[in-house]
Amino acid sequence: MSQANVEVVRGIQPGPDVDLAALFRDDTAWAALSEAVAPLFGQDFTAGMRTFDEHPPFLRGLDGLRSAWLDWLAPWVSYRTEIDDVIDIDGERVLVLSHDYGRRLASDAEVALVGTALWTVRDGKVAAAEFFPNRAEALKAVGLAE
């Protein structure tokens, strides 16, 4: 089951040229995407961003995922993700290691960040997504050392 879960998570990751800021802000693009991926998500799916809060609120459903991302993307004009690796942790949890690139308001410079997300897949459906501000925190959450 673990390889199947890795493939589910890998399949929902954006391509390296997808501007997440534009995608999440555009109602039409978001509606098309959420309709396409909805069958891959469980009814009780939750999402949370561990930005500055150790215990962030977890929001329900794909609209909750969008809301969490919109909060994170507020200061960014553009934001994209390049996936480095997708790793099975324990047959249910899948760690996505990435490098993220964004440009903030009033800046022409692109900022590079090390991104990490922990996805939980149960019975072939995505049950949860948790996004971390740095890799060390994510690795600690899954019991691994960097």
N, C-alpha and C. Protein backbone atom coordinates (compact mmCIF):
# COMPACT_ATOMS: atom_id res chain seq x y z
N MET A 1 0.82 -1.20 0.00
CA MET A 1 0.00 0.00 0.00
C MET A 1 0.85 1.26 0.00
N SER A 2 2.04 1.21 0.57
CA SER A 2 2.84 2.42 0.70
C SER A 2 3.24 3.01 -0.65
N GLN A 3 3.63 2.17 -1.63
CA GLN A 3 4.00 2.71 -2.94
C GLN A 3 2.78 3.33 -3.62
N ALA A 4 1.62 2.72 -3.43
CA ALA A 4 0.39 3.28 -3.99
C ALA A 4 0.12 4.66 -3.38
N ASN A 5 0.34 4.80 -2.08
CA ASN A 5 0.14 6.10 -1.41
C ASN A 5 1.13 7.14 -1.91
N VAL A 6 2.37 6.72 -2.12
CA VAL A 6 3.38 7.64 -2.68
C VAL A 6 2.92 8.12 -4.06
N GLU A 7 2.38 7.23 -4.85
CA GLU A 7 1.93 7.62 -6.19
C GLU A 7 0.73 8.55 -6.15
N VAL A 8 -0.18 8.33 -5.19
CA VAL A 8 -1.31 9.25 -5.03
C VAL A 8 -0.80 10.65 -4.72
N VAL A 9 0.12 10.74 -3.76
CA VAL A 9 0.65 12.05 -3.36
C VAL A 9 1.47 12.67 -4.49
N ARG A 10 2.29 11.88 -5.13
CA ARG A 10 3.09 12.40 -6.24
C ARG A 10 2.18 12.96 -7.35
N GLY A 11 1.08 12.27 -7.58
CA GLY A 11 0.17 12.67 -8.64
C GLY A 11 -0.56 13.98 -8.41
N ILE A 12 -0.67 14.43 -7.18
CA ILE A 12 -1.38 15.68 -6.91
C ILE A 12 -0.43 16.86 -6.71
N GLN A 13 0.87 16.63 -6.84
CA GLN A 13 1.83 17.72 -6.69
C GLN A 13 1.83 18.59 -7.94
N PRO A 14 1.95 19.90 -7.77
CA PRO A 14 1.97 20.79 -8.94
C PRO A 14 3.27 20.64 -9.72
N GLY A 15 3.21 20.95 -10.99
CA GLY A 15 4.41 20.96 -11.80
C GLY A 15 5.30 22.13 -11.40
N PRO A 16 6.58 22.09 -11.78
CA PRO A 16 7.52 23.13 -11.35
C PRO A 16 7.23 24.51 -11.95
N ASP A 17 6.42 24.57 -13.00
CA ASP A 17 6.10 25.85 -13.62
C ASP A 17 4.74 26.40 -13.22
N VAL A 18 4.06 25.71 -12.31
CA VAL A 18 2.74 26.16 -11.86
C VAL A 18 2.91 27.25 -10.81
N ASP A 19 2.33 28.41 -11.08
CA ASP A 19 2.36 29.50 -10.11
C ASP A 19 1.22 29.28 -9.13
N LEU A 20 1.56 28.82 -7.92
CA LEU A 20 0.54 28.51 -6.93
C LEU A 20 -0.23 29.75 -6.48
N ALA A 21 0.43 30.90 -6.46
CA ALA A 21 -0.26 32.13 -6.08
C ALA A 21 -1.39 32.41 -7.06
N ALA A 22 -1.10 32.30 -8.34
CA ALA A 22 -2.13 32.53 -9.36
C ALA A 22 -3.21 31.46 -9.30
N LEU A 23 -2.81 30.20 -9.14
CA LEU A 23 -3.76 29.10 -9.11
C LEU A 23 -4.75 29.24 -7.97
N PHE A 24 -4.25 29.43 -6.76
CA PHE A 24 -5.14 29.49 -5.60
C PHE A 24 -5.99 30.76 -5.59
N ARG A 25 -5.53 31.83 -6.20
CA ARG A 25 -6.29 33.08 -6.20
C ARG A 25 -7.36 33.13 -7.30
N ASP A 26 -7.22 32.32 -8.32
CA ASP A 26 -8.13 32.34 -9.45
C ASP A 26 -9.29 31.37 -9.19
N ASP A 27 -10.50 31.91 -9.02
CA ASP A 27 -11.66 31.08 -8.69
C ASP A 27 -11.94 30.02 -9.76
N THR A 28 -11.80 30.38 -11.03
CA THR A 28 -12.09 29.43 -12.11
C THR A 28 -11.05 28.32 -12.15
N ALA A 29 -9.77 28.69 -12.05
CA ALA A 29 -8.70 27.68 -12.06
C ALA A 29 -8.83 26.77 -10.85
N TRP A 30 -9.12 27.34 -9.69
CA TRP A 30 -9.26 26.53 -8.48
C TRP A 30 -10.44 25.58 -8.62
N ALA A 31 -11.56 26.05 -9.15
CA ALA A 31 -12.74 25.19 -9.30
C ALA A 31 -12.43 24.00 -10.21
N ALA A 32 -11.72 24.25 -11.30
CA ALA A 32 -11.36 23.16 -12.22
C ALA A 32 -10.43 22.16 -11.55
N LEU A 33 -9.43 22.67 -10.84
CA LEU A 33 -8.48 21.79 -10.18
C LEU A 33 -9.16 20.97 -9.08
N SER A 34 -9.94 21.63 -8.24
CA SER A 34 -10.56 20.91 -7.13
C SER A 34 -11.54 19.86 -7.64
N GLU A 35 -12.23 20.13 -8.74
CA GLU A 35 -13.12 19.12 -9.31
C GLU A 35 -12.32 17.92 -9.83
N ALA A 36 -11.19 18.19 -10.42
CA ALA A 36 -10.36 17.11 -10.97
C ALA A 36 -9.76 16.23 -9.88
N VAL A 37 -9.34 16.81 -8.76
CA VAL A 37 -8.66 16.03 -7.72
C VAL A 37 -9.59 15.56 -6.61
N ALA A 38 -10.81 16.04 -6.55
CA ALA A 38 -11.73 15.69 -5.47
C ALA A 38 -11.87 14.19 -5.24
N PRO A 39 -11.91 13.36 -6.28
CA PRO A 39 -12.03 11.92 -6.03
C PRO A 39 -10.84 11.31 -5.27
N LEU A 40 -9.72 12.00 -5.22
CA LEU A 40 -8.53 11.49 -4.54
C LEU A 40 -8.50 11.85 -3.06
N PHE A 41 -9.43 12.67 -2.62
CA PHE A 41 -9.44 13.16 -1.24
C PHE A 41 -10.59 12.56 -0.45
N GLY A 42 -10.31 12.19 0.81
CA GLY A 42 -11.34 11.68 1.69
C GLY A 42 -12.30 12.78 2.12
N GLN A 43 -13.48 12.37 2.55
CA GLN A 43 -14.49 13.34 2.98
C GLN A 43 -14.06 14.17 4.16
N ASP A 44 -13.22 13.62 5.04
CA ASP A 44 -12.79 14.32 6.24
C ASP A 44 -11.39 14.91 6.10
N PHE A 45 -10.95 15.14 4.87
CA PHE A 45 -9.61 15.69 4.62
C PHE A 45 -9.41 16.98 5.40
N THR A 46 -8.20 17.13 6.00
CA THR A 46 -7.83 18.36 6.70
C THR A 46 -6.47 18.83 6.22
N ALA A 47 -6.25 20.14 6.31
CA ALA A 47 -4.98 20.73 5.90
C ALA A 47 -4.58 21.80 6.89
N GLY A 48 -3.27 21.90 7.15
CA GLY A 48 -2.76 22.91 8.07
C GLY A 48 -1.37 23.34 7.69
N MET A 49 -1.07 24.60 7.95
CA MET A 49 0.24 25.17 7.68
C MET A 49 0.93 25.43 9.01
N ARG A 50 2.04 24.78 9.25
CA ARG A 50 2.82 25.01 10.47
C ARG A 50 3.79 26.15 10.22
N THR A 51 3.27 27.33 10.03
CA THR A 51 4.13 28.46 9.75
C THR A 51 4.77 28.98 11.03
N PHE A 52 4.04 29.70 11.82
CA PHE A 52 4.58 30.25 13.05
C PHE A 52 3.88 29.69 14.26
N ASP A 53 2.89 28.84 14.04
CA ASP A 53 2.09 28.27 15.11
C ASP A 53 2.39 26.78 15.19
N GLU A 54 2.87 26.34 16.32
CA GLU A 54 3.23 24.93 16.48
C GLU A 54 2.01 24.02 16.32
N HIS A 55 0.85 24.52 16.69
CA HIS A 55 -0.39 23.75 16.55
C HIS A 55 -1.39 24.58 15.73
N PRO A 56 -1.21 24.58 14.42
CA PRO A 56 -2.07 25.41 13.59
C PRO A 56 -3.48 24.85 13.51
N PRO A 57 -4.42 25.70 13.17
CA PRO A 57 -5.77 25.16 12.95
C PRO A 57 -5.75 24.30 11.69
N PHE A 58 -6.41 23.18 11.75
CA PHE A 58 -6.53 22.34 10.57
C PHE A 58 -7.90 22.61 9.97
N LEU A 59 -7.88 22.94 8.69
CA LEU A 59 -9.10 23.31 7.98
C LEU A 59 -9.60 22.10 7.20
N ARG A 60 -10.91 22.01 7.05
CA ARG A 60 -11.52 20.85 6.41
C ARG A 60 -11.74 21.05 4.91
N GLY A 61 -11.55 19.95 4.18
CA GLY A 61 -11.90 19.90 2.77
C GLY A 61 -10.93 20.64 1.87
N LEU A 62 -11.21 20.55 0.58
CA LEU A 62 -10.36 21.24 -0.39
C LEU A 62 -10.45 22.75 -0.24
N ASP A 63 -11.61 23.25 0.17
CA ASP A 63 -11.71 24.69 0.41
C ASP A 63 -10.85 25.09 1.60
N GLY A 64 -10.71 24.21 2.58
CA GLY A 64 -9.80 24.46 3.70
C GLY A 64 -8.36 24.49 3.24
N LEU A 65 -8.00 23.58 2.34
CA LEU A 65 -6.66 23.58 1.76
C LEU A 65 -6.40 24.90 1.04
N ARG A 66 -7.36 25.32 0.25
CA ARG A 66 -7.21 26.59 -0.47
C ARG A 66 -7.06 27.75 0.52
N SER A 67 -7.87 27.78 1.55
CA SER A 67 -7.81 28.85 2.53
C SER A 67 -6.44 28.90 3.22
N ALA A 68 -5.92 27.72 3.60
CA ALA A 68 -4.60 27.68 4.24
C ALA A 68 -3.54 28.22 3.29
N TRP A 69 -3.60 27.82 2.02
CA TRP A 69 -2.62 28.31 1.06
C TRP A 69 -2.78 29.80 0.80
N LEU A 70 -4.01 30.29 0.72
CA LEU A 70 -4.21 31.72 0.50
C LEU A 70 -3.62 32.54 1.64
N ASP A 71 -3.75 32.05 2.86
CA ASP A 71 -3.12 32.75 4.00
C ASP A 71 -1.61 32.79 3.83
N TRP A 72 -1.01 31.65 3.49
CA TRP A 72 0.44 31.57 3.31
C TRP A 72 0.89 32.46 2.15
N LEU A 73 0.11 32.49 1.09
CA LEU A 73 0.51 33.20 -0.13
C LEU A 73 0.23 34.70 -0.10
N ALA A 74 -0.39 35.21 0.96
CA ALA A 74 -0.78 36.61 1.02
C ALA A 74 0.36 37.57 0.64
N PRO A 75 1.58 37.41 1.13
CA PRO A 75 2.63 38.38 0.77
C PRO A 75 3.35 38.05 -0.55
N TRP A 76 2.98 36.97 -1.21
CA TRP A 76 3.71 36.54 -2.40
C TRP A 76 2.97 36.94 -3.67
N VAL A 77 3.71 37.47 -4.63
CA VAL A 77 3.16 37.78 -5.95
C VAL A 77 3.14 36.51 -6.79
N SER A 78 4.19 35.71 -6.67
CA SER A 78 4.26 34.42 -7.36
C SER A 78 4.92 33.42 -6.44
N TYR A 79 4.60 32.13 -6.66
CA TYR A 79 5.13 31.09 -5.78
C TYR A 79 5.05 29.77 -6.53
N ARG A 80 6.17 29.07 -6.60
CA ARG A 80 6.19 27.77 -7.28
C ARG A 80 7.00 26.77 -6.46
N THR A 81 6.78 25.51 -6.73
CA THR A 81 7.41 24.43 -5.99
C THR A 81 8.06 23.44 -6.95
N GLU A 82 9.27 23.04 -6.63
CA GLU A 82 9.95 21.98 -7.37
C GLU A 82 10.14 20.81 -6.41
N ILE A 83 9.56 19.68 -6.76
CA ILE A 83 9.60 18.49 -5.90
C ILE A 83 10.97 17.83 -6.01
N ASP A 84 11.60 17.60 -4.85
CA ASP A 84 12.88 16.89 -4.79
C ASP A 84 12.67 15.40 -4.63
N ASP A 85 11.75 15.03 -3.73
CA ASP A 85 11.54 13.61 -3.45
C ASP A 85 10.19 13.42 -2.78
N VAL A 86 9.62 12.24 -2.96
CA VAL A 86 8.38 11.84 -2.31
C VAL A 86 8.69 10.51 -1.63
N ILE A 87 8.57 10.48 -0.29
CA ILE A 87 9.08 9.36 0.50
C ILE A 87 7.99 8.75 1.37
N ASP A 88 7.84 7.43 1.30
CA ASP A 88 6.95 6.72 2.20
C ASP A 88 7.57 6.73 3.60
N ILE A 89 6.80 7.10 4.60
CA ILE A 89 7.31 7.13 5.97
C ILE A 89 6.91 5.85 6.71
N ASP A 90 5.64 5.50 6.68
CA ASP A 90 5.20 4.35 7.46
C ASP A 90 4.02 3.61 6.81
N GLY A 91 3.89 3.73 5.51
CA GLY A 91 2.79 3.07 4.82
C GLY A 91 1.54 3.91 4.74
N GLU A 92 1.43 4.91 5.59
CA GLU A 92 0.27 5.79 5.61
C GLU A 92 0.67 7.25 5.38
N ARG A 93 1.81 7.63 5.92
CA ARG A 93 2.28 9.01 5.78
C ARG A 93 3.35 9.09 4.69
N VAL A 94 3.26 10.17 3.92
CA VAL A 94 4.16 10.40 2.79
C VAL A 94 4.76 11.79 2.95
N LEU A 95 6.08 11.85 2.92
CA LEU A 95 6.79 13.12 3.07
C LEU A 95 7.19 13.64 1.68
N VAL A 96 6.87 14.89 1.42
CA VAL A 96 7.25 15.53 0.16
C VAL A 96 8.30 16.58 0.48
N LEU A 97 9.48 16.39 -0.10
CA LEU A 97 10.58 17.34 0.06
C LEU A 97 10.64 18.19 -1.21
N SER A 98 10.72 19.50 -1.02
CA SER A 98 10.70 20.39 -2.18
C SER A 98 11.58 21.61 -1.95
N HIS A 99 11.81 22.30 -3.02
CA HIS A 99 12.38 23.64 -2.97
C HIS A 99 11.30 24.55 -3.53
N ASP A 100 11.00 25.59 -2.80
CA ASP A 100 9.97 26.54 -3.20
C ASP A 100 10.62 27.85 -3.58
N TYR A 101 10.00 28.53 -4.52
CA TYR A 101 10.54 29.80 -5.02
C TYR A 101 9.39 30.79 -5.10
N GLY A 102 9.60 31.96 -4.52
CA GLY A 102 8.55 32.96 -4.55
C GLY A 102 9.11 34.36 -4.69
N ARG A 103 8.23 35.23 -5.14
CA ARG A 103 8.57 36.64 -5.24
C ARG A 103 7.54 37.40 -4.43
N ARG A 104 8.05 38.22 -3.50
CA ARG A 104 7.16 38.99 -2.62
C ARG A 104 6.75 40.30 -3.29
N LEU A 105 5.72 40.89 -2.73
CA LEU A 105 5.27 42.20 -3.19
C LEU A 105 6.42 43.19 -3.12
N ALA A 106 6.49 44.09 -4.04
CA ALA A 106 7.49 45.16 -4.08
C ALA A 106 8.92 44.65 -4.19
N SER A 107 9.11 43.49 -4.84
CA SER A 107 10.46 42.95 -5.03
C SER A 107 10.53 42.24 -6.37
N ASP A 108 11.67 42.38 -7.01
CA ASP A 108 11.90 41.66 -8.26
C ASP A 108 12.69 40.38 -8.01
N ALA A 109 13.23 40.24 -6.81
CA ALA A 109 14.07 39.08 -6.48
C ALA A 109 13.21 37.88 -6.09
N GLU A 110 13.61 36.72 -6.59
CA GLU A 110 12.95 35.48 -6.21
C GLU A 110 13.65 34.91 -4.97
N VAL A 111 12.87 34.52 -3.98
CA VAL A 111 13.37 33.96 -2.74
C VAL A 111 13.27 32.44 -2.83
N ALA A 112 14.29 31.75 -2.36
CA ALA A 112 14.27 30.29 -2.34
C ALA A 112 14.01 29.80 -0.92
N LEU A 113 13.14 28.82 -0.78
CA LEU A 113 12.82 28.22 0.50
C LEU A 113 12.91 26.71 0.38
N VAL A 114 13.21 26.04 1.48
CA VAL A 114 13.18 24.58 1.50
C VAL A 114 11.81 24.19 2.05
N GLY A 115 11.00 23.56 1.22
CA GLY A 115 9.65 23.21 1.62
C GLY A 115 9.54 21.74 1.99
N THR A 116 8.60 21.44 2.86
CA THR A 116 8.34 20.07 3.25
C THR A 116 6.86 19.94 3.60
N ALA A 117 6.26 18.86 3.13
CA ALA A 117 4.85 18.60 3.45
C ALA A 117 4.70 17.14 3.85
N LEU A 118 3.82 16.92 4.79
CA LEU A 118 3.52 15.57 5.25
C LEU A 118 2.07 15.28 4.88
N TRP A 119 1.88 14.28 4.03
CA TRP A 119 0.56 13.88 3.57
C TRP A 119 0.20 12.55 4.21
N THR A 120 -1.04 12.40 4.60
CA THR A 120 -1.54 11.13 5.13
C THR A 120 -2.56 10.58 4.14
N VAL A 121 -2.37 9.30 3.77
CA VAL A 121 -3.28 8.64 2.84
C VAL A 121 -3.85 7.41 3.53
N ARG A 122 -5.18 7.32 3.55
CA ARG A 122 -5.86 6.16 4.14
C ARG A 122 -6.84 5.60 3.13
N ASP A 123 -6.77 4.31 2.95
CA ASP A 123 -7.68 3.62 2.02
C ASP A 123 -7.66 4.26 0.63
N GLY A 124 -6.47 4.68 0.20
CA GLY A 124 -6.30 5.23 -1.14
C GLY A 124 -6.75 6.66 -1.31
N LYS A 125 -7.18 7.31 -0.23
CA LYS A 125 -7.65 8.70 -0.29
C LYS A 125 -6.79 9.58 0.61
N VAL A 126 -6.52 10.79 0.17
CA VAL A 126 -5.75 11.73 0.97
C VAL A 126 -6.60 12.16 2.16
N ALA A 127 -6.07 11.93 3.36
CA ALA A 127 -6.80 12.24 4.59
C ALA A 127 -6.35 13.56 5.22
N ALA A 128 -5.05 13.91 5.02
CA ALA A 128 -4.53 15.13 5.65
C ALA A 128 -3.29 15.61 4.93
N ALA A 129 -3.05 16.91 5.04
CA ALA A 129 -1.83 17.53 4.53
C ALA A 129 -1.36 18.53 5.57
N GLU A 130 -0.07 18.46 5.88
CA GLU A 130 0.51 19.36 6.87
C GLU A 130 1.77 19.94 6.24
N PHE A 131 1.85 21.25 6.17
CA PHE A 131 2.96 21.94 5.53
C PHE A 131 3.85 22.58 6.59
N PHE A 132 5.16 22.42 6.44
CA PHE A 132 6.14 22.87 7.43
C PHE A 132 7.00 23.99 6.86
N PRO A 133 7.39 24.94 7.73
CA PRO A 133 8.21 26.06 7.28
C PRO A 133 9.67 25.69 7.04
N ASN A 134 10.09 24.57 7.62
CA ASN A 134 11.47 24.13 7.36
C ASN A 134 11.53 22.61 7.48
N ARG A 135 12.52 22.05 6.84
CA ARG A 135 12.67 20.61 6.76
C ARG A 135 12.92 19.97 8.12
N ALA A 136 13.71 20.62 8.97
CA ALA A 136 14.04 20.05 10.28
C ALA A 136 12.78 19.77 11.10
N GLU A 137 11.83 20.70 11.08
CA GLU A 137 10.59 20.49 11.84
C GLU A 137 9.79 19.32 11.29
N ALA A 138 9.76 19.19 9.98
CA ALA A 138 9.02 18.09 9.37
C ALA A 138 9.67 16.75 9.69
N LEU A 139 10.99 16.69 9.60
CA LEU A 139 11.68 15.45 9.91
C LEU A 139 11.51 15.07 11.37
N LYS A 140 11.51 16.06 12.24
CA LYS A 140 11.27 15.79 13.67
C LYS A 140 9.86 15.24 13.88
N ALA A 141 8.89 15.78 13.15
CA ALA A 141 7.49 15.35 13.29
C ALA A 141 7.30 13.89 12.89
N VAL A 142 8.13 13.40 11.98
CA VAL A 142 7.99 12.00 11.54
C VAL A 142 9.03 11.08 12.19
N GLY A 143 9.82 11.64 13.12
CA GLY A 143 10.78 10.82 13.85
C GLY A 143 12.07 10.56 13.12
N LEU A 144 12.41 11.41 12.18
CA LEU A 144 13.67 11.26 11.44
C LEU A 144 14.58 12.44 11.73
N ALA A 145 15.85 12.23 11.67
CA ALA A 145 16.82 13.32 11.85
C ALA A 145 17.38 13.67 10.49
N GLU A 146 17.64 14.93 10.27
CA GLU A 146 18.20 15.38 8.99
C GLU A 146 19.69 15.19 8.97
